[in-house]
Amino acid sequence: MEHLGAWADKEFLTVPQLTRVVVKRAIAEYLKQNPSNPPTPKPDSTNDSLNETAPPPATKAKRGNKKKTNTP
């Protein structure tokens, strides 16, 4: 583990950042060597057609914190 920390310091990255870079490179290399296994596409979060049919998010009613007025 200390070698990974030293490598991350040398690259001016944190250990999680370095790990992410190494894993992404390994996945890219794997896909180059195995082109018959295409990755599954991720759902596009910017697709507006899905958002048009979705109902608006529910809001919570505010409770308490209201000042009571004493009106006779």
N, C-alpha and C. Protein backbone atom coordinates (compact mmCIF):
# COMPACT_ATOMS: atom_id res chain seq x y z
N MET A 1 0.82 -1.19 0.00
CA MET A 1 0.00 0.00 0.00
C MET A 1 0.87 1.25 0.00
N GLU A 2 2.01 1.18 0.66
CA GLU A 2 2.88 2.36 0.70
C GLU A 2 3.47 2.67 -0.67
N HIS A 3 3.65 1.63 -1.51
CA HIS A 3 4.16 1.87 -2.87
C HIS A 3 3.12 2.63 -3.70
N LEU A 4 1.85 2.30 -3.50
CA LEU A 4 0.79 3.00 -4.22
C LEU A 4 0.74 4.47 -3.78
N GLY A 5 0.91 4.72 -2.51
CA GLY A 5 0.94 6.09 -2.01
C GLY A 5 2.11 6.88 -2.57
N ALA A 6 3.28 6.23 -2.65
CA ALA A 6 4.45 6.89 -3.21
C ALA A 6 4.24 7.20 -4.69
N TRP A 7 3.65 6.25 -5.42
CA TRP A 7 3.37 6.46 -6.85
C TRP A 7 2.38 7.61 -7.03
N ALA A 8 1.35 7.66 -6.19
CA ALA A 8 0.36 8.73 -6.28
C ALA A 8 1.02 10.08 -6.00
N ASP A 9 1.89 10.14 -5.00
CA ASP A 9 2.60 11.38 -4.69
C ASP A 9 3.46 11.83 -5.86
N LYS A 10 4.12 10.87 -6.51
CA LYS A 10 4.98 11.19 -7.65
C LYS A 10 4.16 11.76 -8.81
N GLU A 11 2.92 11.29 -8.96
CA GLU A 11 2.05 11.75 -10.04
C GLU A 11 1.21 12.97 -9.63
N PHE A 12 1.39 13.44 -8.41
CA PHE A 12 0.62 14.57 -7.86
C PHE A 12 -0.87 14.26 -7.84
N LEU A 13 -1.21 13.03 -7.45
CA LEU A 13 -2.59 12.59 -7.36
C LEU A 13 -2.83 11.98 -5.97
N THR A 14 -4.09 11.85 -5.63
CA THR A 14 -4.41 11.10 -4.42
C THR A 14 -4.47 9.62 -4.82
N VAL A 15 -4.44 8.74 -3.84
CA VAL A 15 -4.50 7.31 -4.14
C VAL A 15 -5.80 6.96 -4.88
N PRO A 16 -6.98 7.48 -4.46
CA PRO A 16 -8.19 7.16 -5.22
C PRO A 16 -8.14 7.67 -6.67
N GLN A 17 -7.56 8.85 -6.89
CA GLN A 17 -7.45 9.37 -8.25
C GLN A 17 -6.54 8.48 -9.09
N LEU A 18 -5.41 8.09 -8.54
CA LEU A 18 -4.48 7.22 -9.26
C LEU A 18 -5.13 5.88 -9.57
N THR A 19 -5.86 5.34 -8.60
CA THR A 19 -6.56 4.07 -8.82
C THR A 19 -7.55 4.19 -9.96
N ARG A 20 -8.29 5.27 -10.01
CA ARG A 20 -9.26 5.49 -11.08
C ARG A 20 -8.56 5.53 -12.44
N VAL A 21 -7.42 6.21 -12.52
CA VAL A 21 -6.68 6.30 -13.77
C VAL A 21 -6.20 4.92 -14.21
N VAL A 22 -5.66 4.16 -13.28
CA VAL A 22 -5.13 2.83 -13.60
C VAL A 22 -6.25 1.91 -14.08
N VAL A 23 -7.39 1.95 -13.41
CA VAL A 23 -8.51 1.09 -13.80
C VAL A 23 -9.04 1.49 -15.17
N LYS A 24 -9.17 2.79 -15.44
CA LYS A 24 -9.65 3.23 -16.75
C LYS A 24 -8.70 2.80 -17.86
N ARG A 25 -7.40 2.89 -17.61
CA ARG A 25 -6.43 2.44 -18.62
C ARG A 25 -6.51 0.95 -18.83
N ALA A 26 -6.71 0.19 -17.76
CA ALA A 26 -6.83 -1.26 -17.88
C ALA A 26 -8.08 -1.63 -18.67
N ILE A 27 -9.19 -0.94 -18.43
CA ILE A 27 -10.41 -1.22 -19.18
C ILE A 27 -10.22 -0.89 -20.65
N ALA A 28 -9.58 0.24 -20.96
CA ALA A 28 -9.33 0.61 -22.35
C ALA A 28 -8.45 -0.42 -23.05
N GLU A 29 -7.43 -0.89 -22.37
CA GLU A 29 -6.54 -1.92 -22.94
C GLU A 29 -7.30 -3.21 -23.16
N TYR A 30 -8.13 -3.59 -22.22
CA TYR A 30 -8.92 -4.81 -22.36
C TYR A 30 -9.85 -4.72 -23.57
N LEU A 31 -10.50 -3.56 -23.73
CA LEU A 31 -11.42 -3.40 -24.85
C LEU A 31 -10.69 -3.39 -26.19
N LYS A 32 -9.46 -2.91 -26.22
CA LYS A 32 -8.66 -2.98 -27.45
C LYS A 32 -8.38 -4.43 -27.81
N GLN A 33 -8.06 -5.23 -26.82
CA GLN A 33 -7.69 -6.62 -27.06
C GLN A 33 -8.91 -7.52 -27.28
N ASN A 34 -10.07 -7.12 -26.82
CA ASN A 34 -11.30 -7.91 -26.93
C ASN A 34 -12.42 -7.07 -27.53
N PRO A 35 -12.33 -6.74 -28.80
CA PRO A 35 -13.35 -5.86 -29.40
C PRO A 35 -14.71 -6.54 -29.55
N SER A 36 -14.79 -7.87 -29.40
CA SER A 36 -16.07 -8.56 -29.56
C SER A 36 -16.98 -8.36 -28.36
N ASN A 37 -16.48 -7.80 -27.27
CA ASN A 37 -17.29 -7.54 -26.08
C ASN A 37 -17.55 -6.04 -25.94
N PRO A 38 -18.52 -5.51 -26.72
CA PRO A 38 -18.76 -4.07 -26.62
C PRO A 38 -19.36 -3.72 -25.26
N PRO A 39 -19.00 -2.57 -24.71
CA PRO A 39 -19.55 -2.18 -23.42
C PRO A 39 -21.02 -1.83 -23.56
N THR A 40 -21.77 -2.03 -22.51
CA THR A 40 -23.18 -1.66 -22.53
C THR A 40 -23.27 -0.15 -22.40
N PRO A 41 -24.12 0.48 -23.19
CA PRO A 41 -24.22 1.94 -23.11
C PRO A 41 -24.87 2.39 -21.81
N LYS A 42 -24.34 3.48 -21.28
CA LYS A 42 -24.91 4.04 -20.06
C LYS A 42 -26.13 4.87 -20.46
N PRO A 43 -27.15 4.90 -19.62
CA PRO A 43 -28.29 5.77 -19.92
C PRO A 43 -27.85 7.22 -19.90
N ASP A 44 -28.34 7.97 -20.86
CA ASP A 44 -27.96 9.37 -20.99
C ASP A 44 -28.81 10.19 -20.03
N SER A 45 -28.17 10.80 -19.05
CA SER A 45 -28.91 11.57 -18.06
C SER A 45 -29.38 12.91 -18.62
N THR A 46 -28.87 13.32 -19.78
CA THR A 46 -29.28 14.59 -20.36
C THR A 46 -30.43 14.41 -21.34
N ASN A 47 -30.96 13.19 -21.46
CA ASN A 47 -32.04 12.94 -22.39
C ASN A 47 -33.31 13.58 -21.84
N ASP A 48 -33.80 14.62 -22.52
CA ASP A 48 -34.96 15.35 -22.04
C ASP A 48 -36.27 14.62 -22.28
N SER A 49 -36.30 13.68 -23.23
CA SER A 49 -37.55 12.99 -23.52
C SER A 49 -38.00 12.17 -22.32
N LEU A 50 -37.06 11.65 -21.53
CA LEU A 50 -37.44 10.90 -20.34
C LEU A 50 -37.96 11.84 -19.26
N ASN A 51 -37.41 13.02 -19.19
CA ASN A 51 -37.80 13.96 -18.15
C ASN A 51 -39.17 14.59 -18.41
N GLU A 52 -39.61 14.61 -19.68
CA GLU A 52 -40.88 15.23 -20.00
C GLU A 52 -42.05 14.44 -19.43
N THR A 53 -41.94 13.13 -19.39
CA THR A 53 -43.04 12.31 -18.92
C THR A 53 -43.01 12.08 -17.41
N ALA A 54 -41.92 12.40 -16.78
CA ALA A 54 -41.79 12.16 -15.34
C ALA A 54 -42.54 13.25 -14.58
N PRO A 55 -43.26 12.88 -13.52
CA PRO A 55 -43.96 13.89 -12.73
C PRO A 55 -42.96 14.73 -11.95
N PRO A 56 -43.34 15.93 -11.58
CA PRO A 56 -42.42 16.76 -10.79
C PRO A 56 -42.18 16.12 -9.43
N PRO A 57 -41.05 16.40 -8.82
CA PRO A 57 -40.75 15.80 -7.52
C PRO A 57 -41.72 16.31 -6.46
N ALA A 58 -42.05 15.45 -5.54
CA ALA A 58 -42.95 15.82 -4.45
C ALA A 58 -42.21 16.72 -3.47
N THR A 59 -42.93 17.67 -2.94
CA THR A 59 -42.32 18.56 -1.95
C THR A 59 -42.93 18.25 -0.59
N LYS A 60 -42.13 18.44 0.42
CA LYS A 60 -42.61 18.20 1.77
C LYS A 60 -43.20 19.49 2.34
N ALA A 61 -44.30 19.32 3.03
CA ALA A 61 -44.92 20.47 3.67
C ALA A 61 -44.08 20.89 4.87
N LYS A 62 -43.96 22.16 5.06
CA LYS A 62 -43.21 22.66 6.20
C LYS A 62 -44.09 22.54 7.44
N ARG A 63 -43.50 22.01 8.48
CA ARG A 63 -44.24 21.82 9.72
C ARG A 63 -43.59 22.62 10.83
N GLY A 64 -44.41 23.03 11.77
CA GLY A 64 -43.88 23.77 12.90
C GLY A 64 -43.35 25.13 12.46
N ASN A 65 -42.54 25.72 13.23
CA ASN A 65 -41.87 26.99 12.95
C ASN A 65 -42.84 28.12 12.56
N LYS A 66 -44.14 27.91 12.62
CA LYS A 66 -45.06 29.01 12.32
C LYS A 66 -45.43 29.68 13.63
N LYS A 67 -45.41 30.99 13.61
CA LYS A 67 -45.76 31.73 14.82
C LYS A 67 -47.28 31.74 14.94
N LYS A 68 -47.72 31.44 16.13
CA LYS A 68 -49.15 31.49 16.39
C LYS A 68 -49.52 32.90 16.82
N THR A 69 -50.57 33.39 16.23
CA THR A 69 -51.03 34.73 16.63
C THR A 69 -52.27 34.57 17.50
N ASN A 70 -52.30 35.28 18.56
CA ASN A 70 -53.45 35.23 19.46
C ASN A 70 -54.39 36.36 19.09
N THR A 71 -55.39 36.03 18.31
CA THR A 71 -56.39 37.04 17.96
C THR A 71 -57.69 36.71 18.69
N PRO A 72 -58.18 37.64 19.49
CA PRO A 72 -59.39 37.36 20.26
C PRO A 72 -60.63 37.41 19.41
